[in-house]
Amino acid sequence: VQLQASGGGLVQAGGSLRLLCAAGRTSSNNGLGWFRQAPGKEREFVAAINWRGDSTHYADSVKGRFTISRDNAKNTLYLQMNNLRLEDTAVYYCAAALRSGTSDIASSYRYWGRGTLVTVSS
């Protein structure tokens, strides 16, 4: 399973960005997720989606602002980020789990893509 995140960039606080993750060769049966790592901090869970796309799970810090979705026909995972805050600045990673459900535990994810940097400015 190969994953490649894109869509990061510089945005002002309150703005929006949409991240994409091209999941080439990935099985549509994989649960998928987004994690992020801010400078000097550990990697943390952001959002997860099950294989069918009808079950999602979010970190409390992004609930109501971020939306995870997937298009299995295109093997693409999305993260719509609205009302961005300074504390959302981080490198964002997409990941694929071996199981089909949602998980907020990094060790549940077997495959990881290269991250994309999101910088939120004041």
N, C-alpha and C. Protein backbone atom coordinates (compact mmCIF):
# COMPACT_ATOMS: atom_id res chain seq x y z
N VAL A 1 0.85 -1.19 0.00
CA VAL A 1 0.00 0.00 0.00
C VAL A 1 0.89 1.24 0.00
N GLN A 2 0.71 2.08 -0.97
CA GLN A 2 1.50 3.30 -1.08
C GLN A 2 0.59 4.50 -0.84
N LEU A 3 1.04 5.41 -0.02
CA LEU A 3 0.25 6.57 0.34
C LEU A 3 1.06 7.84 0.11
N GLN A 4 0.41 8.87 -0.39
CA GLN A 4 1.08 10.14 -0.61
C GLN A 4 0.12 11.27 -0.30
N ALA A 5 0.45 12.03 0.74
CA ALA A 5 -0.38 13.16 1.13
C ALA A 5 0.03 14.41 0.38
N SER A 6 -0.94 15.28 0.13
CA SER A 6 -0.69 16.56 -0.52
C SER A 6 -1.75 17.56 -0.09
N GLY A 7 -1.55 18.81 -0.50
CA GLY A 7 -2.55 19.83 -0.21
C GLY A 7 -2.19 20.77 0.93
N GLY A 8 -1.08 20.52 1.58
CA GLY A 8 -0.66 21.39 2.66
C GLY A 8 -0.21 22.74 2.14
N GLY A 9 -0.02 23.68 3.06
CA GLY A 9 0.43 24.99 2.67
C GLY A 9 0.31 25.97 3.81
N LEU A 10 0.43 27.23 3.47
CA LEU A 10 0.34 28.31 4.45
C LEU A 10 -1.05 28.94 4.37
N VAL A 11 -1.69 29.07 5.51
CA VAL A 11 -3.04 29.63 5.55
C VAL A 11 -3.19 30.48 6.80
N GLN A 12 -4.00 31.50 6.72
CA GLN A 12 -4.25 32.34 7.89
C GLN A 12 -5.23 31.66 8.84
N ALA A 13 -5.12 32.01 10.08
CA ALA A 13 -6.06 31.49 11.06
C ALA A 13 -7.48 31.81 10.64
N GLY A 14 -8.35 30.83 10.78
CA GLY A 14 -9.73 30.97 10.34
C GLY A 14 -9.98 30.49 8.92
N GLY A 15 -8.90 30.23 8.21
CA GLY A 15 -9.02 29.78 6.84
C GLY A 15 -9.24 28.28 6.72
N SER A 16 -9.21 27.80 5.47
CA SER A 16 -9.48 26.40 5.18
C SER A 16 -8.42 25.81 4.26
N LEU A 17 -8.24 24.52 4.40
CA LEU A 17 -7.39 23.75 3.49
C LEU A 17 -8.02 22.38 3.30
N ARG A 18 -7.73 21.76 2.18
CA ARG A 18 -8.20 20.40 1.92
C ARG A 18 -6.99 19.53 1.60
N LEU A 19 -6.76 18.56 2.43
CA LEU A 19 -5.67 17.62 2.20
C LEU A 19 -6.17 16.42 1.42
N LEU A 20 -5.30 15.88 0.59
CA LEU A 20 -5.61 14.68 -0.16
C LEU A 20 -4.55 13.63 0.12
N CYS A 21 -4.95 12.39 0.03
CA CYS A 21 -4.01 11.28 0.18
C CYS A 21 -4.30 10.29 -0.94
N ALA A 22 -3.37 10.18 -1.86
CA ALA A 22 -3.50 9.19 -2.92
C ALA A 22 -3.05 7.85 -2.39
N ALA A 23 -3.96 6.91 -2.39
CA ALA A 23 -3.68 5.61 -1.80
C ALA A 23 -3.59 4.58 -2.91
N GLY A 24 -2.54 4.67 -3.70
CA GLY A 24 -2.36 3.73 -4.78
C GLY A 24 -2.21 2.31 -4.28
N ARG A 25 -2.82 1.39 -4.98
CA ARG A 25 -2.76 -0.04 -4.66
C ARG A 25 -3.39 -0.38 -3.32
N THR A 26 -3.99 0.58 -2.67
CA THR A 26 -4.58 0.27 -1.37
C THR A 26 -5.86 -0.52 -1.55
N SER A 27 -6.15 -1.35 -0.64
CA SER A 27 -7.40 -2.07 -0.67
C SER A 27 -8.51 -1.19 -0.17
N SER A 28 -9.64 -1.21 -0.82
CA SER A 28 -10.78 -0.43 -0.36
C SER A 28 -11.34 -0.99 0.94
N ASN A 29 -10.77 -2.10 1.42
CA ASN A 29 -11.19 -2.67 2.69
C ASN A 29 -10.42 -2.13 3.89
N ASN A 30 -9.44 -1.25 3.63
CA ASN A 30 -8.64 -0.69 4.73
C ASN A 30 -9.34 0.48 5.42
N GLY A 31 -9.26 0.51 6.76
CA GLY A 31 -9.59 1.73 7.45
C GLY A 31 -8.46 2.72 7.20
N LEU A 32 -8.79 4.00 7.09
CA LEU A 32 -7.79 5.03 6.81
C LEU A 32 -7.83 6.12 7.87
N GLY A 33 -6.72 6.81 8.05
CA GLY A 33 -6.68 7.84 9.07
C GLY A 33 -5.71 8.95 8.75
N TRP A 34 -5.86 10.04 9.48
CA TRP A 34 -4.95 11.17 9.43
C TRP A 34 -4.35 11.37 10.82
N PHE A 35 -3.06 11.59 10.84
CA PHE A 35 -2.34 11.94 12.05
C PHE A 35 -1.54 13.21 11.77
N ARG A 36 -1.08 13.85 12.82
CA ARG A 36 -0.25 15.04 12.62
C ARG A 36 0.84 15.10 13.70
N GLN A 37 1.91 15.81 13.36
CA GLN A 37 3.00 15.98 14.30
C GLN A 37 3.49 17.42 14.23
N ALA A 38 3.32 18.12 15.33
CA ALA A 38 3.78 19.50 15.43
C ALA A 38 5.24 19.50 15.88
N PRO A 39 5.96 20.57 15.61
CA PRO A 39 7.37 20.65 16.01
C PRO A 39 7.54 20.43 17.51
N GLY A 40 8.41 19.51 17.86
CA GLY A 40 8.69 19.25 19.26
C GLY A 40 7.65 18.43 19.99
N LYS A 41 6.67 17.94 19.25
CA LYS A 41 5.59 17.17 19.87
C LYS A 41 5.50 15.79 19.25
N GLU A 42 4.81 14.91 19.96
CA GLU A 42 4.61 13.56 19.44
C GLU A 42 3.49 13.56 18.38
N ARG A 43 3.53 12.53 17.56
CA ARG A 43 2.48 12.38 16.57
C ARG A 43 1.16 12.13 17.27
N GLU A 44 0.09 12.76 16.77
CA GLU A 44 -1.21 12.60 17.39
C GLU A 44 -2.29 12.30 16.35
N PHE A 45 -3.30 11.62 16.80
CA PHE A 45 -4.42 11.25 15.96
C PHE A 45 -5.26 12.47 15.61
N VAL A 46 -5.76 12.51 14.38
CA VAL A 46 -6.63 13.59 13.93
C VAL A 46 -8.02 13.05 13.59
N ALA A 47 -8.08 12.09 12.66
CA ALA A 47 -9.38 11.58 12.21
C ALA A 47 -9.19 10.23 11.56
N ALA A 48 -10.26 9.44 11.56
CA ALA A 48 -10.23 8.11 10.95
C ALA A 48 -11.56 7.83 10.28
N ILE A 49 -11.52 6.94 9.29
CA ILE A 49 -12.72 6.58 8.55
C ILE A 49 -12.67 5.09 8.23
N ASN A 50 -13.81 4.43 8.27
CA ASN A 50 -13.83 3.00 8.00
C ASN A 50 -13.80 2.73 6.50
N TRP A 51 -13.77 1.46 6.13
CA TRP A 51 -13.56 1.13 4.74
C TRP A 51 -14.69 1.58 3.82
N ARG A 52 -15.90 1.62 4.35
CA ARG A 52 -17.01 2.03 3.50
C ARG A 52 -17.23 3.53 3.51
N GLY A 53 -16.61 4.20 4.46
CA GLY A 53 -16.78 5.65 4.54
C GLY A 53 -18.01 6.09 5.29
N ASP A 54 -18.66 5.17 5.99
CA ASP A 54 -19.89 5.53 6.69
C ASP A 54 -19.71 5.60 8.20
N SER A 55 -18.48 5.50 8.65
CA SER A 55 -18.19 5.64 10.08
C SER A 55 -16.90 6.44 10.22
N THR A 56 -16.97 7.50 11.02
CA THR A 56 -15.80 8.36 11.22
C THR A 56 -15.56 8.60 12.71
N HIS A 57 -14.34 9.01 13.01
CA HIS A 57 -13.95 9.27 14.40
C HIS A 57 -12.96 10.41 14.38
N TYR A 58 -13.12 11.37 15.30
CA TYR A 58 -12.28 12.56 15.31
C TYR A 58 -11.67 12.80 16.69
N ALA A 59 -10.50 13.42 16.67
CA ALA A 59 -9.94 13.92 17.91
C ALA A 59 -10.80 15.08 18.40
N ASP A 60 -10.91 15.23 19.69
CA ASP A 60 -11.74 16.31 20.23
C ASP A 60 -11.28 17.69 19.74
N SER A 61 -10.00 17.83 19.53
CA SER A 61 -9.45 19.13 19.15
C SER A 61 -9.87 19.59 17.76
N VAL A 62 -10.33 18.65 16.91
CA VAL A 62 -10.70 19.02 15.54
C VAL A 62 -12.18 18.78 15.26
N LYS A 63 -12.88 18.20 16.20
CA LYS A 63 -14.28 17.87 16.00
C LYS A 63 -15.08 19.13 15.69
N GLY A 64 -15.90 19.06 14.64
CA GLY A 64 -16.70 20.20 14.23
C GLY A 64 -15.99 21.14 13.27
N ARG A 65 -14.68 20.96 13.10
CA ARG A 65 -13.92 21.82 12.18
C ARG A 65 -13.36 21.02 11.01
N PHE A 66 -12.98 19.78 11.25
CA PHE A 66 -12.39 18.93 10.20
C PHE A 66 -13.39 17.87 9.78
N THR A 67 -13.30 17.47 8.50
CA THR A 67 -14.14 16.39 7.98
C THR A 67 -13.28 15.44 7.17
N ILE A 68 -13.32 14.18 7.54
CA ILE A 68 -12.60 13.14 6.80
C ILE A 68 -13.58 12.44 5.86
N SER A 69 -13.10 12.12 4.67
CA SER A 69 -13.94 11.41 3.71
C SER A 69 -13.03 10.61 2.78
N ARG A 70 -13.63 9.72 2.03
CA ARG A 70 -12.84 8.90 1.10
C ARG A 70 -13.66 8.60 -0.15
N ASP A 71 -12.95 8.37 -1.24
CA ASP A 71 -13.55 7.97 -2.50
C ASP A 71 -12.83 6.70 -2.92
N ASN A 72 -13.42 5.56 -2.66
CA ASN A 72 -12.77 4.29 -2.96
C ASN A 72 -12.57 4.07 -4.45
N ALA A 73 -13.43 4.63 -5.26
CA ALA A 73 -13.28 4.50 -6.71
C ALA A 73 -12.02 5.20 -7.19
N LYS A 74 -11.63 6.24 -6.48
CA LYS A 74 -10.43 7.00 -6.85
C LYS A 74 -9.25 6.68 -5.93
N ASN A 75 -9.47 5.78 -4.98
CA ASN A 75 -8.40 5.45 -4.01
C ASN A 75 -7.83 6.72 -3.37
N THR A 76 -8.72 7.59 -2.95
CA THR A 76 -8.29 8.88 -2.39
C THR A 76 -8.97 9.13 -1.06
N LEU A 77 -8.17 9.62 -0.13
CA LEU A 77 -8.63 10.02 1.19
C LEU A 77 -8.54 11.54 1.28
N TYR A 78 -9.51 12.16 1.95
CA TYR A 78 -9.54 13.61 2.06
C TYR A 78 -9.62 14.04 3.52
N LEU A 79 -9.14 15.25 3.76
CA LEU A 79 -9.34 15.89 5.06
C LEU A 79 -9.64 17.36 4.80
N GLN A 80 -10.91 17.72 4.96
CA GLN A 80 -11.31 19.12 4.83
C GLN A 80 -11.12 19.79 6.18
N MET A 81 -10.32 20.83 6.20
CA MET A 81 -10.00 21.52 7.45
C MET A 81 -10.51 22.95 7.38
N ASN A 82 -11.44 23.27 8.23
CA ASN A 82 -12.03 24.61 8.28
C ASN A 82 -11.70 25.28 9.61
N ASN A 83 -11.84 26.59 9.62
CA ASN A 83 -11.61 27.36 10.84
C ASN A 83 -10.27 26.97 11.49
N LEU A 84 -9.23 27.00 10.70
CA LEU A 84 -7.93 26.56 11.18
C LEU A 84 -7.39 27.47 12.27
N ARG A 85 -6.69 26.86 13.20
CA ARG A 85 -6.11 27.57 14.33
C ARG A 85 -4.59 27.46 14.29
N LEU A 86 -3.93 28.34 15.02
CA LEU A 86 -2.47 28.29 15.07
C LEU A 86 -1.98 26.93 15.52
N GLU A 87 -2.69 26.31 16.44
CA GLU A 87 -2.26 25.02 16.99
C GLU A 87 -2.48 23.86 16.03
N ASP A 88 -3.08 24.12 14.87
CA ASP A 88 -3.21 23.08 13.86
C ASP A 88 -1.95 22.96 13.00
N THR A 89 -1.01 23.86 13.19
CA THR A 89 0.24 23.80 12.45
C THR A 89 0.97 22.50 12.75
N ALA A 90 1.27 21.73 11.70
CA ALA A 90 1.90 20.43 11.88
C ALA A 90 2.15 19.81 10.51
N VAL A 91 2.91 18.73 10.53
CA VAL A 91 3.01 17.87 9.36
C VAL A 91 1.89 16.83 9.48
N TYR A 92 1.10 16.72 8.45
CA TYR A 92 -0.04 15.81 8.45
C TYR A 92 0.30 14.56 7.64
N TYR A 93 -0.03 13.41 8.21
CA TYR A 93 0.26 12.12 7.60
C TYR A 93 -1.04 11.33 7.40
N CYS A 94 -1.13 10.66 6.27
CA CYS A 94 -2.23 9.72 6.09
C CYS A 94 -1.69 8.30 6.32
N ALA A 95 -2.58 7.43 6.74
CA ALA A 95 -2.17 6.07 7.08
C ALA A 95 -3.29 5.09 6.78
N ALA A 96 -2.89 3.86 6.51
CA ALA A 96 -3.85 2.79 6.21
C ALA A 96 -3.68 1.68 7.23
N ALA A 97 -4.80 1.24 7.77
CA ALA A 97 -4.79 0.17 8.76
C ALA A 97 -4.99 -1.19 8.08
N LEU A 98 -4.65 -2.23 8.80
CA LEU A 98 -4.90 -3.58 8.29
C LEU A 98 -6.37 -3.96 8.45
N ARG A 99 -7.01 -3.33 9.41
CA ARG A 99 -8.40 -3.65 9.66
C ARG A 99 -9.29 -2.64 8.94
N SER A 100 -10.58 -2.93 8.90
CA SER A 100 -11.51 -2.14 8.11
C SER A 100 -12.19 -1.01 8.88
N GLY A 101 -12.10 -1.04 10.19
CA GLY A 101 -12.81 -0.06 11.00
C GLY A 101 -11.98 1.18 11.27
N THR A 102 -12.48 2.00 12.20
CA THR A 102 -11.77 3.20 12.58
C THR A 102 -10.90 2.93 13.80
N SER A 103 -9.82 3.67 13.93
CA SER A 103 -8.94 3.56 15.08
C SER A 103 -8.20 4.86 15.29
N ASP A 104 -8.02 5.22 16.56
CA ASP A 104 -7.23 6.42 16.87
C ASP A 104 -5.85 6.06 17.42
N ILE A 105 -5.47 4.81 17.27
CA ILE A 105 -4.19 4.33 17.77
C ILE A 105 -3.21 4.16 16.62
N ALA A 106 -2.08 4.82 16.72
CA ALA A 106 -1.12 4.81 15.62
C ALA A 106 -0.63 3.40 15.29
N SER A 107 -0.50 2.57 16.30
CA SER A 107 0.01 1.22 16.05
C SER A 107 -0.97 0.36 15.28
N SER A 108 -2.20 0.81 15.12
CA SER A 108 -3.19 0.09 14.32
C SER A 108 -2.94 0.26 12.83
N TYR A 109 -2.13 1.22 12.49
CA TYR A 109 -1.90 1.56 11.09
C TYR A 109 -0.58 0.96 10.61
N ARG A 110 -0.69 0.22 9.54
CA ARG A 110 0.47 -0.50 9.02
C ARG A 110 1.25 0.33 8.00
N TYR A 111 0.53 1.13 7.22
CA TYR A 111 1.16 1.86 6.11
C TYR A 111 1.03 3.36 6.33
N TRP A 112 2.12 4.06 6.08
CA TRP A 112 2.16 5.51 6.29
C TRP A 112 2.71 6.21 5.06
N GLY A 113 2.11 7.35 4.75
CA GLY A 113 2.61 8.14 3.65
C GLY A 113 3.55 9.22 4.13
N ARG A 114 4.21 9.86 3.22
CA ARG A 114 5.01 11.02 3.55
C ARG A 114 4.07 12.17 3.87
N GLY A 115 4.43 12.97 4.82
CA GLY A 115 3.54 14.01 5.29
C GLY A 115 3.50 15.23 4.41
N THR A 116 2.52 16.07 4.71
CA THR A 116 2.40 17.36 4.05
C THR A 116 2.28 18.43 5.14
N LEU A 117 3.01 19.52 4.96
CA LEU A 117 3.09 20.53 6.01
C LEU A 117 1.95 21.52 5.91
N VAL A 118 1.30 21.73 7.03
CA VAL A 118 0.25 22.75 7.16
C VAL A 118 0.75 23.79 8.15
N THR A 119 0.79 25.04 7.71
CA THR A 119 1.24 26.13 8.57
C THR A 119 0.11 27.16 8.68
N VAL A 120 -0.33 27.41 9.89
CA VAL A 120 -1.40 28.38 10.13
C VAL A 120 -0.77 29.62 10.75
N SER A 121 -0.99 30.75 10.13
CA SER A 121 -0.41 32.00 10.61
C SER A 121 -1.48 32.92 11.18
N SER A 122 -1.04 33.83 12.02
CA SER A 122 -1.99 34.77 12.64
C SER A 122 -2.23 35.99 11.78
